Amino acid sequence: MSRRLLLVLVLGLTFAAITPRDAHADRERAVKLFKQGKLHFEAKAYEDAIRLFSEAYVEYDDEPLIILALAKAYDESGQPDKAVKFYDLFVAHPKSDAVDRAKTKTRAAAIRVELANRPGRIQLADLPEGAKVFLDDRPAQIDATGTLVTRPGAHKLRVEAPGRKAFALAGLMVKPGETLRVPVVMPEAGAGTGGTKPVPAGDKDRTLGWITGGAGLALVATGVTFLILREGTVSDYEKAFPDVVNGQAQASKATRDKFGCPGGAKDTPECTAMINYGNDFLSKATLQRTLGFVFGGVGAVGLGVGTYLLLNPPAKTATVERRLPAIAVTPWSGTPGATLTLRF
């Protein structure tokens, strides 16, 4: 019996879920919520009015008077950006009254002008003691939170403080009604993106000598390796072609047997392959000797220069640059704030 009751309950809920909502009932609920919201609106309880008007709009969104009521409630509560949105919806609604539509257009246009002219704010974080702020090359007044009020648009900011490097930022874009937070980074006057430290007098710099000499030694070793490889190639060639008759190398019996070239034959394919085999040995040996002399010669020069620099090293410069993190602050128009970049 309990299973049957459960089945009936499930079927009933499913039917209720797929049954279309009654438009008339929705309208009635919306009217009730609208009336309650109107009472709160007249009592200047705008937040409660907005809540009730919003619920009415969810129940029945095809009534222009509910849309207009929402717009006016947002307008009176000091939320012009939301008010203009619903004013526009009311104007675009096909059932809206022509007279109200004209008045609404005028009010929406006035709100847009107000929104465009709303002042922006720049909040300066981490201001050092005694800091002076300049906006667009003029002294700026800031409150206790480090915030200054300015017109929308692009600005140039500069902050000065005793014993610290000035903080400057150009192209700072402030939107209407926006509060832009800017971290102020002001290193002490002795620090910065570049500095120097003394080097002991008379100190010599042998770095270049070691590098040049080491490179030269490596090249000489490479050249010697090629020459050793050439000796092995020549040795293999002399084993394959041990004799010389009338200035021409003669293949050994083992080489002739390897290629199938009988003694005295020259023009057969087997003998031609054997001759090419010997020529490959000679070409390889020539290349190895050339590379050995080139690498060895260049390496010898490098060794000479490196030795000279080690024996006669230049003096180190009087100062060595010490790079500290470079700090750049860039405005980012996508969000209220600024990006802080540390470059090392």
C-alpha atoms as a PDB file:
ATOM      1  CA  MET A   1       0.000   0.000   0.000  1.00  0.00           C
ATOM      2  CA  SER A   2       2.827   2.407   0.857  1.00  0.00           C
ATOM      3  CA  ARG A   3       4.434   1.776  -2.548  1.00  0.00           C
ATOM      4  CA  ARG A   4       1.180   2.735  -4.284  1.00  0.00           C
ATOM      5  CA  LEU A   5       0.965   5.974  -2.288  1.00  0.00           C
ATOM      6  CA  LEU A   6       4.571   6.792  -3.165  1.00  0.00           C
ATOM      7  CA  LEU A   7       3.893   6.155  -6.862  1.00  0.00           C
ATOM      8  CA  VAL A   8       0.819   8.410  -6.782  1.00  0.00           C
ATOM      9  CA  LEU A   9       2.850  11.168  -5.068  1.00  0.00           C
ATOM     10  CA  VAL A  10       5.645  10.963  -7.647  1.00  0.00           C
ATOM     11  CA  LEU A  11       3.191  11.071 -10.544  1.00  0.00           C
ATOM     12  CA  GLY A  12       1.414  14.017  -8.987  1.00  0.00           C
ATOM     13  CA  LEU A  13       4.636  16.013  -8.556  1.00  0.00           C
ATOM     14  CA  THR A  14       5.692  15.180 -12.101  1.00  0.00           C
ATOM     15  CA  PHE A  15       2.359  16.355 -13.480  1.00  0.00           C
ATOM     16  CA  ALA A  16       2.588  19.565 -11.470  1.00  0.00           C
ATOM     17  CA  ALA A  17       6.102  20.222 -12.783  1.00  0.00           C
ATOM     18  CA  ILE A  18       5.129  19.866 -16.442  1.00  0.00           C
ATOM     19  CA  THR A  19       1.784  21.689 -16.173  1.00  0.00           C
ATOM     20  CA  PRO A  20       2.057  25.291 -17.511  1.00  0.00           C
ATOM     21  CA  ARG A  21       1.713  28.014 -14.897  1.00  0.00           C
ATOM     22  CA  ASP A  22      -1.577  29.860 -14.789  1.00  0.00           C
ATOM     23  CA  ALA A  23      -0.902  33.320 -16.272  1.00  0.00           C
ATOM     24  CA  HIS A  24      -3.931  34.757 -14.499  1.00  0.00           C
ATOM     25  CA  ALA A  25      -2.706  33.494 -11.118  1.00  0.00           C
ATOM     26  CA  ASP A  26       0.754  34.930 -11.812  1.00  0.00           C
ATOM     27  CA  ARG A  27      -0.782  38.297 -12.587  1.00  0.00           C
ATOM     28  CA  GLU A  28      -2.829  38.232  -9.406  1.00  0.00           C
ATOM     29  CA  ARG A  29       0.241  37.479  -7.293  1.00  0.00           C
ATOM     30  CA  ALA A  30       2.167  40.218  -9.104  1.00  0.00           C
ATOM     31  CA  VAL A  31      -0.618  42.749  -8.452  1.00  0.00           C
ATOM     32  CA  LYS A  32      -0.608  41.862  -4.771  1.00  0.00           C
ATOM     33  CA  LEU A  33       3.180  42.267  -4.516  1.00  0.00           C
ATOM     34  CA  PHE A  34       2.992  45.493  -6.534  1.00  0.00           C
ATOM     35  CA  LYS A  35       0.473  47.017  -4.140  1.00  0.00           C
ATOM     36  CA  GLN A  36       2.614  46.101  -1.148  1.00  0.00           C
ATOM     37  CA  GLY A  37       5.676  47.602  -2.837  1.00  0.00           C
ATOM     38  CA  LYS A  38       3.788  50.800  -3.606  1.00  0.00           C
ATOM     39  CA  LEU A  39       2.994  51.261   0.078  1.00  0.00           C
ATOM     40  CA  HIS A  40       6.692  50.918   0.965  1.00  0.00           C
ATOM     41  CA  PHE A  41       7.615  53.286  -1.866  1.00  0.00           C
ATOM     42  CA  GLU A  42       5.237  55.965  -0.546  1.00  0.00           C
ATOM     43  CA  ALA A  43       6.738  55.459   2.906  1.00  0.00           C
ATOM     44  CA  LYS A  44      10.197  55.992   1.318  1.00  0.00           C
ATOM     45  CA  ALA A  45      11.251  52.495   2.345  1.00  0.00           C
ATOM     46  CA  TYR A  46      12.891  52.083  -1.047  1.00  0.00           C
ATOM     47  CA  GLU A  47      14.860  48.915  -0.384  1.00  0.00           C
ATOM     48  CA  ASP A  48      11.706  47.059   0.671  1.00  0.00           C
ATOM     49  CA  ALA A  49       9.868  48.511  -2.303  1.00  0.00           C
ATOM     50  CA  ILE A  50      12.609  47.292  -4.658  1.00  0.00           C
ATOM     51  CA  ARG A  51      12.397  43.801  -3.171  1.00  0.00           C
ATOM     52  CA  LEU A  52       8.624  43.587  -3.602  1.00  0.00           C
ATOM     53  CA  PHE A  53       8.621  45.150  -7.080  1.00  0.00           C
ATOM     54  CA  SER A  54      11.343  42.678  -8.106  1.00  0.00           C
ATOM     55  CA  GLU A  55       9.276  39.728  -6.871  1.00  0.00           C
ATOM     56  CA  ALA A  56       6.288  41.078  -8.781  1.00  0.00           C
ATOM     57  CA  TYR A  57       8.412  41.405 -11.915  1.00  0.00           C
ATOM     58  CA  VAL A  58       9.528  37.774 -11.564  1.00  0.00           C
ATOM     59  CA  GLU A  59       5.891  36.653 -11.258  1.00  0.00           C
ATOM     60  CA  TYR A  60       4.684  38.716 -14.222  1.00  0.00           C
ATOM     61  CA  ASP A  61       7.212  40.507 -16.412  1.00  0.00           C
ATOM     62  CA  ASP A  62       4.747  41.680 -19.050  1.00  0.00           C
ATOM     63  CA  GLU A  63       3.370  44.611 -17.041  1.00  0.00           C
ATOM     64  CA  PRO A  64       5.097  47.942 -17.864  1.00  0.00           C
ATOM     65  CA  LEU A  65       3.880  49.617 -14.635  1.00  0.00           C
ATOM     66  CA  ILE A  66       5.911  47.117 -12.570  1.00  0.00           C
ATOM     67  CA  ILE A  67       9.001  47.908 -14.667  1.00  0.00           C
ATOM     68  CA  LEU A  68       8.427  51.654 -14.220  1.00  0.00           C
ATOM     69  CA  ALA A  69       7.933  51.220 -10.470  1.00  0.00           C
ATOM     70  CA  LEU A  70      11.236  49.360 -10.233  1.00  0.00           C
ATOM     71  CA  ALA A  71      12.997  52.111 -12.177  1.00  0.00           C
ATOM     72  CA  LYS A  72      11.599  54.847  -9.910  1.00  0.00           C
ATOM     73  CA  ALA A  73      12.479  52.907  -6.755  1.00  0.00           C
ATOM     74  CA  TYR A  74      16.070  52.473  -7.910  1.00  0.00           C
ATOM     75  CA  ASP A  75      16.144  56.146  -8.890  1.00  0.00           C
ATOM     76  CA  GLU A  76      14.925  57.351  -5.501  1.00  0.00           C
ATOM     77  CA  SER A  77      17.276  54.987  -3.627  1.00  0.00           C
ATOM     78  CA  GLY A  78      20.333  56.527  -5.288  1.00  0.00           C
ATOM     79  CA  GLN A  79      21.079  53.702  -7.720  1.00  0.00           C
ATOM     80  CA  PRO A  80      20.961  55.540 -11.058  1.00  0.00           C
ATOM     81  CA  ASP A  81      22.821  52.867 -13.037  1.00  0.00           C
ATOM     82  CA  LYS A  82      20.093  50.302 -12.245  1.00  0.00           C
ATOM     83  CA  ALA A  83      17.331  52.878 -12.628  1.00  0.00           C
ATOM     84  CA  VAL A  84      18.316  53.754 -16.190  1.00  0.00           C
ATOM     85  CA  LYS A  85      18.303  50.053 -17.102  1.00  0.00           C
ATOM     86  CA  PHE A  86      14.629  49.681 -16.116  1.00  0.00           C
ATOM     87  CA  TYR A  87      13.707  53.054 -17.579  1.00  0.00           C
ATOM     88  CA  ASP A  88      15.014  51.754 -20.917  1.00  0.00           C
ATOM     89  CA  LEU A  89      13.001  48.528 -20.504  1.00  0.00           C
ATOM     90  CA  PHE A  90       9.858  50.564 -19.889  1.00  0.00           C
ATOM     91  CA  VAL A  91      10.442  52.725 -22.967  1.00  0.00           C
ATOM     92  CA  ALA A  92      10.988  49.638 -25.123  1.00  0.00           C
ATOM     93  CA  HIS A  93       7.854  47.872 -23.822  1.00  0.00           C
ATOM     94  CA  PRO A  94       5.080  47.873 -26.442  1.00  0.00           C
ATOM     95  CA  LYS A  95       2.347  48.335 -23.784  1.00  0.00           C
ATOM     96  CA  SER A  96       3.882  51.381 -22.089  1.00  0.00           C
ATOM     97  CA  ASP A  97       1.870  54.611 -22.007  1.00  0.00           C
ATOM     98  CA  ALA A  98       2.998  57.229 -24.547  1.00  0.00           C
ATOM     99  CA  VAL A  99       2.985  60.099 -22.032  1.00  0.00           C
ATOM    100  CA  ASP A 100       4.896  58.104 -19.434  1.00  0.00           C
ATOM    101  CA  ARG A 101       7.252  56.906 -22.148  1.00  0.00           C
ATOM    102  CA  ALA A 102       8.169  60.482 -23.107  1.00  0.00           C
ATOM    103  CA  LYS A 103       8.766  61.466 -19.477  1.00  0.00           C
ATOM    104  CA  THR A 104      10.814  58.342 -18.929  1.00  0.00           C
ATOM    105  CA  LYS A 105      13.026  59.095 -21.940  1.00  0.00           C
ATOM    106  CA  THR A 106      13.735  62.550 -20.550  1.00  0.00           C
ATOM    107  CA  ARG A 107      14.619  61.183 -17.103  1.00  0.00           C
ATOM    108  CA  ALA A 108      16.836  58.430 -18.535  1.00  0.00           C
ATOM    109  CA  ALA A 109      18.738  60.968 -20.629  1.00  0.00           C
ATOM    110  CA  ALA A 110      19.269  63.160 -17.556  1.00  0.00           C
ATOM    111  CA  ILE A 111      20.561  60.167 -15.574  1.00  0.00           C
ATOM    112  CA  ARG A 112      23.045  59.327 -18.327  1.00  0.00           C
ATOM    113  CA  VAL A 113      24.408  62.871 -18.158  1.00  0.00           C
ATOM    114  CA  GLU A 114      24.720  62.579 -14.380  1.00  0.00           C
ATOM    115  CA  LEU A 115      26.468  59.216 -14.669  1.00  0.00           C
ATOM    116  CA  ALA A 116      28.934  60.554 -17.231  1.00  0.00           C
ATOM    117  CA  ASN A 117      29.795  63.521 -15.001  1.00  0.00           C
ATOM    118  CA  ARG A 118      30.096  61.685 -11.697  1.00  0.00           C
ATOM    119  CA  PRO A 119      33.491  62.345 -10.117  1.00  0.00           C
ATOM    120  CA  GLY A 120      35.946  59.533  -9.686  1.00  0.00           C
ATOM    121  CA  ARG A 121      38.191  58.810  -6.738  1.00  0.00           C
ATOM    122  CA  ILE A 122      41.812  57.762  -6.432  1.00  0.00           C
ATOM    123  CA  GLN A 123      42.737  55.956  -3.240  1.00  0.00           C
ATOM    124  CA  LEU A 124      46.463  56.009  -2.539  1.00  0.00           C
ATOM    125  CA  ALA A 125      47.638  53.056  -0.481  1.00  0.00           C
ATOM    126  CA  ASP A 126      50.779  52.996   1.697  1.00  0.00           C
ATOM    127  CA  LEU A 127      51.437  56.740   1.612  1.00  0.00           C
ATOM    128  CA  PRO A 128      54.574  57.578   3.618  1.00  0.00           C
ATOM    129  CA  GLU A 129      54.512  60.206   6.309  1.00  0.00           C
ATOM    130  CA  GLY A 130      54.741  63.774   5.079  1.00  0.00           C
ATOM    131  CA  ALA A 131      53.836  62.852   1.499  1.00  0.00           C
ATOM    132  CA  LYS A 132      52.646  65.561  -0.885  1.00  0.00           C
ATOM    133  CA  VAL A 133      50.328  64.585  -3.713  1.00  0.00           C
ATOM    134  CA  PHE A 134      50.170  66.306  -7.096  1.00  0.00           C
ATOM    135  CA  LEU A 135      47.498  65.554  -9.685  1.00  0.00           C
ATOM    136  CA  ASP A 136      48.059  66.912 -13.192  1.00  0.00           C
ATOM    137  CA  ASP A 137      50.977  68.977 -11.809  1.00  0.00           C
ATOM    138  CA  ARG A 138      48.761  70.671  -9.198  1.00  0.00           C
ATOM    139  CA  PRO A 139      48.655  70.062  -5.420  1.00  0.00           C
ATOM    140  CA  ALA A 140      45.816  67.667  -4.539  1.00  0.00           C
ATOM    141  CA  GLN A 141      43.848  67.396  -1.310  1.00  0.00           C
ATOM    142  CA  ILE A 142      43.469  63.923   0.176  1.00  0.00           C
ATOM    143  CA  ASP A 143      41.350  62.762   3.096  1.00  0.00           C
ATOM    144  CA  ALA A 144      42.369  60.620   6.048  1.00  0.00           C
ATOM    145  CA  THR A 145      42.080  57.440   3.965  1.00  0.00           C
ATOM    146  CA  GLY A 146      44.433  58.774   1.285  1.00  0.00           C
ATOM    147  CA  THR A 147      41.577  59.344  -1.178  1.00  0.00           C
ATOM    148  CA  LEU A 148      41.227  62.291  -3.539  1.00  0.00           C
ATOM    149  CA  VAL A 149      38.255  63.249  -5.705  1.00  0.00           C
ATOM    150  CA  THR A 150      38.749  64.116  -9.358  1.00  0.00           C
ATOM    151  CA  ARG A 151      36.939  64.385 -12.684  1.00  0.00           C
ATOM    152  CA  PRO A 152      36.704  61.313 -14.924  1.00  0.00           C
ATOM    153  CA  GLY A 153      39.394  60.861 -17.546  1.00  0.00           C
ATOM    154  CA  ALA A 154      43.167  60.428 -17.798  1.00  0.00           C
ATOM    155  CA  HIS A 155      45.387  61.949 -15.120  1.00  0.00           C
ATOM    156  CA  LYS A 156      49.023  62.298 -14.177  1.00  0.00           C
ATOM    157  CA  LEU A 157      49.895  61.505 -10.559  1.00  0.00           C
ATOM    158  CA  ARG A 158      53.026  62.389  -8.604  1.00  0.00           C
ATOM    159  CA  VAL A 159      53.826  61.832  -4.928  1.00  0.00           C
ATOM    160  CA  GLU A 160      56.804  63.336  -3.084  1.00  0.00           C
ATOM    161  CA  ALA A 161      58.029  62.591   0.428  1.00  0.00           C
ATOM    162  CA  PRO A 162      61.129  63.607   2.419  1.00  0.00           C
ATOM    163  CA  GLY A 163      64.027  61.153   2.063  1.00  0.00           C
ATOM    164  CA  ARG A 164      62.281  59.075  -0.597  1.00  0.00           C
ATOM    165  CA  LYS A 165      62.280  58.859  -4.355  1.00  0.00           C
ATOM    166  CA  ALA A 166      59.283  60.433  -6.035  1.00  0.00           C
ATOM    167  CA  PHE A 167      56.453  58.218  -7.244  1.00  0.00           C
ATOM    168  CA  ALA A 168      55.115  59.147 -10.683  1.00  0.00           C
ATOM    169  CA  LEU A 169      52.332  57.632 -12.740  1.00  0.00           C
ATOM    170  CA  ALA A 170      51.029  58.922 -16.084  1.00  0.00           C
ATOM    171  CA  GLY A 171      47.958  57.860 -18.023  1.00  0.00           C
ATOM    172  CA  LEU A 172      45.930  57.030 -14.916  1.00  0.00           C
ATOM    173  CA  MET A 173      42.391  56.455 -16.247  1.00  0.00           C
ATOM    174  CA  VAL A 174      39.549  57.174 -13.814  1.00  0.00           C
ATOM    175  CA  LYS A 175      35.997  56.226 -14.772  1.00  0.00           C
ATOM    176  CA  PRO A 176      32.868  58.106 -13.605  1.00  0.00           C
ATOM    177  CA  GLY A 177      31.932  57.037 -10.079  1.00  0.00           C
ATOM    178  CA  GLU A 178      34.926  54.704  -9.843  1.00  0.00           C
ATOM    179  CA  THR A 179      37.291  54.410  -6.894  1.00  0.00           C
ATOM    180  CA  LEU A 180      40.719  53.497  -8.262  1.00  0.00           C
ATOM    181  CA  ARG A 181      43.149  52.065  -5.733  1.00  0.00           C
ATOM    182  CA  VAL A 182      46.823  52.810  -6.438  1.00  0.00           C
ATOM    183  CA  PRO A 183      49.649  51.300  -4.326  1.00  0.00           C
ATOM    184  CA  VAL A 184      52.313  53.947  -3.772  1.00  0.00           C
ATOM    185  CA  VAL A 185      55.852  52.509  -3.750  1.00  0.00           C
ATOM    186  CA  MET A 186      58.524  55.018  -2.740  1.00  0.00           C
ATOM    187  CA  PRO A 187      62.001  53.563  -2.057  1.00  0.00           C
ATOM    188  CA  GLU A 188      64.427  55.452   0.118  1.00  0.00           C
ATOM    189  CA  ALA A 189      66.503  58.020  -1.749  1.00  0.00           C
ATOM    190  CA  GLY A 190      69.621  55.827  -1.591  1.00  0.00           C
ATOM    191  CA  ALA A 191      67.899  52.866  -3.287  1.00  0.00           C
ATOM    192  CA  GLY A 192      66.475  52.480  -6.746  1.00  0.00           C
ATOM    193  CA  THR A 193      66.619  50.559  -9.967  1.00  0.00           C
ATOM    194  CA  GLY A 194      70.335  51.131 -10.327  1.00  0.00           C
ATOM    195  CA  GLY A 195      73.151  51.658  -7.848  1.00  0.00           C
ATOM    196  CA  THR A 196      76.893  51.224  -7.440  1.00  0.00           C
ATOM    197  CA  LYS A 197      79.234  49.763  -4.892  1.00  0.00           C
ATOM    198  CA  PRO A 198      82.980  50.358  -4.675  1.00  0.00           C
ATOM    199  CA  VAL A 199      85.502  47.813  -5.966  1.00  0.00           C
ATOM    200  CA  PRO A 200      88.863  47.376  -4.221  1.00  0.00           C
ATOM    201  CA  ALA A 201      91.530  49.419  -5.976  1.00  0.00           C
ATOM    202  CA  GLY A 202      94.065  47.508  -8.081  1.00  0.00           C
ATOM    203  CA  ASP A 203      91.875  44.444  -8.546  1.00  0.00           C
ATOM    204  CA  LYS A 204      92.422  42.803 -11.937  1.00  0.00           C
ATOM    205  CA  ASP A 205      89.847  41.203 -14.177  1.00  0.00           C
ATOM    206  CA  ARG A 206      91.143  37.935 -15.671  1.00  0.00           C
ATOM    207  CA  THR A 207      87.737  36.649 -16.723  1.00  0.00           C
ATOM    208  CA  LEU A 208      88.196  37.354 -20.409  1.00  0.00           C
ATOM    209  CA  GLY A 209      91.645  35.765 -20.392  1.00  0.00           C
ATOM    210  CA  TRP A 210      90.343  32.537 -18.886  1.00  0.00           C
ATOM    211  CA  ILE A 211      87.424  32.407 -21.315  1.00  0.00           C
ATOM    212  CA  THR A 212      89.576  33.093 -24.380  1.00  0.00           C
ATOM    213  CA  GLY A 213      92.330  30.718 -23.310  1.00  0.00           C
ATOM    214  CA  GLY A 214      89.853  27.978 -22.444  1.00  0.00           C
ATOM    215  CA  ALA A 215      88.100  28.311 -25.799  1.00  0.00           C
ATOM    216  CA  GLY A 216      91.463  28.237 -27.583  1.00  0.00           C
ATOM    217  CA  LEU A 217      92.527  25.107 -25.717  1.00  0.00           C
ATOM    218  CA  ALA A 218      89.255  23.373 -26.645  1.00  0.00           C
ATOM    219  CA  LEU A 219      89.776  24.240 -30.323  1.00  0.00           C
ATOM    220  CA  VAL A 220      93.368  22.954 -30.261  1.00  0.00           C
ATOM    221  CA  ALA A 221      92.172  19.695 -28.707  1.00  0.00           C
ATOM    222  CA  THR A 222      89.541  19.377 -31.447  1.00  0.00           C
ATOM    223  CA  GLY A 223      92.185  19.969 -34.130  1.00  0.00           C
ATOM    224  CA  VAL A 224      94.497  17.351 -32.632  1.00  0.00           C
ATOM    225  CA  THR A 225      91.586  14.891 -32.537  1.00  0.00           C
ATOM    226  CA  PHE A 226      90.985  15.353 -36.272  1.00  0.00           C
ATOM    227  CA  LEU A 227      94.685  14.819 -37.022  1.00  0.00           C
ATOM    228  CA  ILE A 228      94.719  11.614 -34.932  1.00  0.00           C
ATOM    229  CA  LEU A 229      91.644  10.393 -36.805  1.00  0.00           C
ATOM    230  CA  ARG A 230      93.450  11.161 -40.092  1.00  0.00           C
ATOM    231  CA  GLU A 231      96.349   8.970 -39.061  1.00  0.00           C
ATOM    232  CA  GLY A 232      93.927   6.104 -38.507  1.00  0.00           C
ATOM    233  CA  THR A 233      92.335   6.691 -41.911  1.00  0.00           C
ATOM    234  CA  VAL A 234      95.752   6.712 -43.639  1.00  0.00           C
ATOM    235  CA  SER A 235      96.730   3.524 -41.812  1.00  0.00           C
ATOM    236  CA  ASP A 236      93.571   1.764 -43.011  1.00  0.00           C
ATOM    237  CA  TYR A 237      94.218   2.990 -46.544  1.00  0.00           C
ATOM    238  CA  GLU A 238      97.803   1.702 -46.559  1.00  0.00           C
ATOM    239  CA  LYS A 239      96.606  -1.706 -45.377  1.00  0.00           C
ATOM    240  CA  ALA A 240      94.096  -1.895 -48.206  1.00  0.00           C
ATOM    241  CA  PHE A 241      96.515  -0.455 -50.817  1.00  0.00           C
ATOM    242  CA  PRO A 242     100.022  -1.283 -49.503  1.00  0.00           C
ATOM    243  CA  ASP A 243     102.086  -1.011 -52.683  1.00  0.00           C
ATOM    244  CA  VAL A 244     102.805   1.818 -55.115  1.00  0.00           C
ATOM    245  CA  VAL A 245     103.773   1.085 -58.751  1.00  0.00           C
ATOM    246  CA  ASN A 246     104.547   3.944 -61.119  1.00  0.00           C
ATOM    247  CA  GLY A 247     102.976   6.405 -58.680  1.00  0.00           C
ATOM    248  CA  GLN A 248      99.715   4.444 -58.360  1.00  0.00           C
ATOM    249  CA  ALA A 249      98.580   2.555 -55.286  1.00  0.00           C
ATOM    250  CA  GLN A 250      98.078  -1.137 -55.730  1.00  0.00           C
ATOM    251  CA  ALA A 251      95.386  -3.048 -53.830  1.00  0.00           C
ATOM    252  CA  SER A 252      96.365  -5.926 -51.647  1.00  0.00           C
ATOM    253  CA  LYS A 253      95.205  -9.436 -52.456  1.00  0.00           C
ATOM    254  CA  ALA A 254      92.751  -9.304 -49.563  1.00  0.00           C
ATOM    255  CA  THR A 255      91.215  -6.090 -50.954  1.00  0.00           C
ATOM    256  CA  ARG A 256      90.947  -7.564 -54.467  1.00  0.00           C
ATOM    257  CA  ASP A 257      89.325 -10.702 -53.094  1.00  0.00           C
ATOM    258  CA  LYS A 258      86.938  -8.567 -51.049  1.00  0.00           C
ATOM    259  CA  PHE A 259      85.664  -6.752 -54.150  1.00  0.00           C
ATOM    260  CA  GLY A 260      86.127  -9.655 -56.582  1.00  0.00           C
ATOM    261  CA  CYS A 261      88.601  -7.748 -58.739  1.00  0.00           C
ATOM    262  CA  PRO A 262      91.251 -10.168 -60.222  1.00  0.00           C
ATOM    263  CA  GLY A 263      94.821  -8.996 -60.696  1.00  0.00           C
ATOM    264  CA  GLY A 264      95.380  -7.013 -63.895  1.00  0.00           C
ATOM    265  CA  ALA A 265      91.688  -6.154 -64.407  1.00  0.00           C
ATOM    266  CA  LYS A 266      90.707  -2.475 -64.273  1.00  0.00           C
ATOM    267  CA  ASP A 267      87.456  -1.729 -66.089  1.00  0.00           C
ATOM    268  CA  THR A 268      85.132  -4.221 -64.443  1.00  0.00           C
ATOM    269  CA  PRO A 269      82.390  -2.920 -62.065  1.00  0.00           C
ATOM    270  CA  GLU A 270      84.068  -4.753 -59.207  1.00  0.00           C
ATOM    271  CA  CYS A 271      87.388  -3.038 -59.816  1.00  0.00           C
ATOM    272  CA  THR A 272      85.720   0.355 -60.195  1.00  0.00           C
ATOM    273  CA  ALA A 273      84.043  -0.116 -56.814  1.00  0.00           C
ATOM    274  CA  MET A 274      87.423  -1.013 -55.308  1.00  0.00           C
ATOM    275  CA  ILE A 275      89.047   2.122 -56.736  1.00  0.00           C
ATOM    276  CA  ASN A 276      86.208   4.287 -55.367  1.00  0.00           C
ATOM    277  CA  TYR A 277      86.734   2.626 -52.016  1.00  0.00           C
ATOM    278  CA  GLY A 278      90.363   3.789 -52.035  1.00  0.00           C
ATOM    279  CA  ASN A 279      89.399   7.315 -53.169  1.00  0.00           C
ATOM    280  CA  ASP A 280      86.941   7.591 -50.271  1.00  0.00           C
ATOM    281  CA  PHE A 281      89.843   6.896 -47.889  1.00  0.00           C
ATOM    282  CA  LEU A 282      91.888   9.675 -49.483  1.00  0.00           C
ATOM    283  CA  SER A 283      89.014  12.211 -49.407  1.00  0.00           C
ATOM    284  CA  LYS A 284      88.289  11.436 -45.777  1.00  0.00           C
ATOM    285  CA  ALA A 285      91.933  11.811 -44.817  1.00  0.00           C
ATOM    286  CA  THR A 286      92.177  15.153 -46.669  1.00  0.00           C
ATOM    287  CA  LEU A 287      89.085  16.532 -44.879  1.00  0.00           C
ATOM    288  CA  GLN A 288      90.351  15.411 -41.488  1.00  0.00           C
ATOM    289  CA  ARG A 289      93.726  17.052 -42.067  1.00  0.00           C
ATOM    290  CA  THR A 290      92.055  20.336 -43.170  1.00  0.00           C
ATOM    291  CA  LEU A 291      89.781  20.434 -40.138  1.00  0.00           C
ATOM    292  CA  GLY A 292      92.675  19.579 -37.857  1.00  0.00           C
ATOM    293  CA  PHE A 293      94.782  22.463 -39.151  1.00  0.00           C
ATOM    294  CA  VAL A 294      91.853  24.957 -39.054  1.00  0.00           C
ATOM    295  CA  PHE A 295      90.738  24.120 -35.523  1.00  0.00           C
ATOM    296  CA  GLY A 296      94.288  23.845 -34.304  1.00  0.00           C
ATOM    297  CA  GLY A 297      95.295  27.171 -35.868  1.00  0.00           C
ATOM    298  CA  VAL A 298      92.325  29.098 -34.502  1.00  0.00           C
ATOM    299  CA  GLY A 299      92.771  27.452 -31.130  1.00  0.00           C
ATOM    300  CA  ALA A 300      96.451  28.384 -31.059  1.00  0.00           C
ATOM    301  CA  VAL A 301      95.519  32.015 -31.636  1.00  0.00           C
ATOM    302  CA  GLY A 302      92.943  31.816 -28.840  1.00  0.00           C
ATOM    303  CA  LEU A 303      95.522  30.303 -26.502  1.00  0.00           C
ATOM    304  CA  GLY A 304      97.920  33.089 -27.330  1.00  0.00           C
ATOM    305  CA  VAL A 305      95.385  35.834 -26.729  1.00  0.00           C
ATOM    306  CA  GLY A 306      94.148  34.196 -23.535  1.00  0.00           C
ATOM    307  CA  THR A 307      97.689  33.840 -22.226  1.00  0.00           C
ATOM    308  CA  TYR A 308      98.376  37.494 -22.960  1.00  0.00           C
ATOM    309  CA  LEU A 309      95.196  38.586 -21.149  1.00  0.00           C
ATOM    310  CA  LEU A 310      96.073  36.437 -18.148  1.00  0.00           C
ATOM    311  CA  LEU A 311      99.556  37.943 -17.973  1.00  0.00           C
ATOM    312  CA  ASN A 312      98.278  41.486 -18.614  1.00  0.00           C
ATOM    313  CA  PRO A 313      94.753  41.599 -17.209  1.00  0.00           C
ATOM    314  CA  PRO A 314      92.781  44.848 -17.431  1.00  0.00           C
ATOM    315  CA  ALA A 315      91.761  46.568 -14.216  1.00  0.00           C
ATOM    316  CA  LYS A 316      88.186  46.170 -13.083  1.00  0.00           C
ATOM    317  CA  THR A 317      85.957  49.187 -13.512  1.00  0.00           C
ATOM    318  CA  ALA A 318      85.770  51.520 -10.561  1.00  0.00           C
ATOM    319  CA  THR A 319      82.157  50.622  -9.864  1.00  0.00           C
ATOM    320  CA  VAL A 320      79.959  47.658 -10.563  1.00  0.00           C
ATOM    321  CA  GLU A 321      76.270  48.208 -11.234  1.00  0.00           C
ATOM    322  CA  ARG A 322      73.978  46.636  -8.687  1.00  0.00           C
ATOM    323  CA  ARG A 323      70.477  46.209 -10.096  1.00  0.00           C
ATOM    324  CA  LEU A 324      67.589  46.341  -7.687  1.00  0.00           C
ATOM    325  CA  PRO A 325      63.993  45.434  -8.552  1.00  0.00           C
ATOM    326  CA  ALA A 326      62.472  47.978 -10.898  1.00  0.00           C
ATOM    327  CA  ILE A 327      58.991  49.006  -9.855  1.00  0.00           C
ATOM    328  CA  ALA A 328      56.407  49.988 -12.446  1.00  0.00           C
ATOM    329  CA  VAL A 329      52.775  50.813 -11.717  1.00  0.00           C
ATOM    330  CA  THR A 330      50.440  50.589 -14.681  1.00  0.00           C
ATOM    331  CA  PRO A 331      46.744  51.533 -14.641  1.00  0.00           C
ATOM    332  CA  TRP A 332      44.427  48.774 -15.771  1.00  0.00           C
ATOM    333  CA  SER A 333      41.139  50.021 -17.102  1.00  0.00           C
ATOM    334  CA  GLY A 334      39.501  46.591 -16.885  1.00  0.00           C
ATOM    335  CA  THR A 335      39.033  46.701 -13.108  1.00  0.00           C
ATOM    336  CA  PRO A 336      39.114  49.379 -10.412  1.00  0.00           C
ATOM    337  CA  GLY A 337      42.729  49.301  -9.389  1.00  0.00           C
ATOM    338  CA  ALA A 338      46.230  49.361 -10.733  1.00  0.00           C
ATOM    339  CA  THR A 339      48.718  46.623 -11.456  1.00  0.00           C
ATOM    340  CA  LEU A 340      52.054  46.587  -9.672  1.00  0.00           C
ATOM    341  CA  THR A 341      54.903  44.973 -11.608  1.00  0.00           C
ATOM    342  CA  LEU A 342      58.309  44.083 -10.142  1.00  0.00           C
ATOM    343  CA  ARG A 343      61.026  43.598 -12.749  1.00  0.00           C
ATOM    344  CA  PHE A 344      64.208  41.857 -11.559  1.00  0.00           C
END
